[in-house]
Every structure is written in structure tokens, then in C-alpha cells.
Amino acid sequence: MAKGIQDYSAQESVAPYVKAVVATGNDQDACRAVHMNGTSASVTLTVDGSDIAFWLIKGNEYPISATKSSSTSVVFLY
């Protein structure tokens, strides 16, 4: 399940992101946003237990709380 505002410490709440992790294709901790590092492409992200296809544009950040990505070009921001 996606994290709510109460699930973050004070330090995490005031910082935009405190950690970046490259997607592995396996389940990971729910992130605060995703960043597309590679070429723009259709990527399947697992959001709240459902697989959803998104068109992600290179260099952009999206406020999507995901736990899995079909592409290792995606960076999870925490």
C-alpha cells in the first residue's frame, strides 16, 4: 500500500527525496516518486498491487508510489 504523509519522519517530510534506488524488476519498498533515467518508453509499474502501463519521458519525475518496474531505466525516489 502507498505511504501516507504520516508514514514519513520529519526529516523525510521536509526533504524532497532522501534516497534514489535503481529499479531491479523485483518487488521493492514503495517509493515517493519515479524518475525515468533511460529512453522514453512504456513502462509497467506496480501501484498499490496493480500493474499499470505508463508512458514515461526521459528525464522526468512522476509523483507515483510504485513498488516494482518492468524497466531498470526507472529510478525509485524515496
Protein backbone atom coordinates (compact mmCIF):
# COMPACT_ATOMS: atom_id res chain seq x y z
CA MET A 1 0.00 0.00 0.00
CA ALA A 2 1.19 3.52 -0.75
CA LYS A 3 2.68 5.53 2.09
CA GLY A 4 0.75 8.42 3.54
CA ILE A 5 2.18 11.68 4.87
CA GLN A 6 2.15 10.28 8.43
CA ASP A 7 4.43 7.41 7.39
CA TYR A 8 7.50 9.66 6.95
CA SER A 9 9.85 11.03 9.60
CA ALA A 10 10.15 14.82 9.95
CA GLN A 11 13.46 14.76 8.04
CA GLU A 12 11.91 12.80 5.16
CA SER A 13 8.84 15.05 5.12
CA VAL A 14 10.76 18.28 4.53
CA ALA A 15 13.28 16.87 2.03
CA PRO A 16 12.01 16.24 -1.50
CA TYR A 17 13.81 12.88 -1.64
CA VAL A 18 16.39 11.32 0.65
CA LYS A 19 17.39 8.27 -1.41
CA ALA A 20 17.38 7.06 -5.02
CA VAL A 21 17.42 3.38 -5.99
CA VAL A 22 17.52 1.89 -9.49
CA ALA A 23 14.57 -0.43 -10.15
CA THR A 24 15.56 -4.10 -10.21
CA GLY A 25 12.45 -5.63 -11.79
CA ASN A 26 11.61 -7.24 -8.44
CA ASP A 27 9.38 -6.00 -5.62
CA GLN A 28 10.93 -3.10 -3.70
CA ASP A 29 9.79 -0.71 -0.97
CA ALA A 30 7.09 1.75 -2.04
CA CYS A 31 8.72 4.92 -3.34
CA ARG A 32 7.57 8.55 -3.21
CA ALA A 33 8.17 9.17 -6.93
CA VAL A 34 9.77 7.65 -10.01
CA HIS A 35 12.34 9.16 -12.38
CA MET A 36 12.84 7.92 -15.94
CA ASN A 37 16.58 7.68 -16.49
CA GLY A 38 16.62 5.90 -19.85
CA THR A 39 14.92 6.43 -23.19
CA SER A 40 11.25 7.42 -23.10
CA ALA A 41 9.18 4.24 -23.11
CA SER A 42 6.07 2.45 -21.96
CA VAL A 43 6.85 1.01 -18.53
CA THR A 44 4.68 -1.19 -16.34
CA LEU A 45 4.71 -0.05 -12.72
CA THR A 46 3.12 -1.88 -9.81
CA VAL A 47 0.99 0.65 -7.94
CA ASP A 48 -0.96 -0.45 -4.85
CA GLY A 49 -0.76 -4.08 -6.02
CA SER A 50 -1.92 -3.43 -9.61
CA ASP A 51 0.26 -3.45 -12.73
CA ILE A 52 -0.33 -0.26 -14.74
CA ALA A 53 1.34 0.79 -18.00
CA PHE A 54 2.69 4.36 -18.08
CA TRP A 55 4.47 6.24 -20.86
CA LEU A 56 7.48 7.75 -19.05
CA ILE A 57 9.51 10.50 -20.68
CA LYS A 58 13.29 10.55 -20.21
CA GLY A 59 14.47 12.98 -17.52
CA ASN A 60 11.06 13.48 -15.91
CA GLU A 61 9.93 12.71 -12.37
CA TYR A 62 6.45 11.44 -11.65
CA PRO A 63 4.71 11.50 -8.24
CA ILE A 64 3.81 7.81 -8.43
CA SER A 65 4.24 5.50 -5.43
CA ALA A 66 5.32 2.23 -7.06
CA THR A 67 6.84 -0.99 -5.73
CA LYS A 68 8.01 -2.61 -8.99
CA SER A 69 9.02 -1.57 -12.51
CA SER A 70 9.32 -3.56 -15.72
CA SER A 71 12.33 -1.41 -16.68
CA THR A 72 15.69 -0.97 -14.96
CA SER A 73 15.83 2.53 -16.50
CA VAL A 74 13.44 3.70 -13.77
CA VAL A 75 14.83 5.16 -10.55
CA PHE A 76 12.71 4.97 -7.39
CA LEU A 77 12.94 8.13 -5.29
CA TYR A 78 12.42 7.86 -1.52
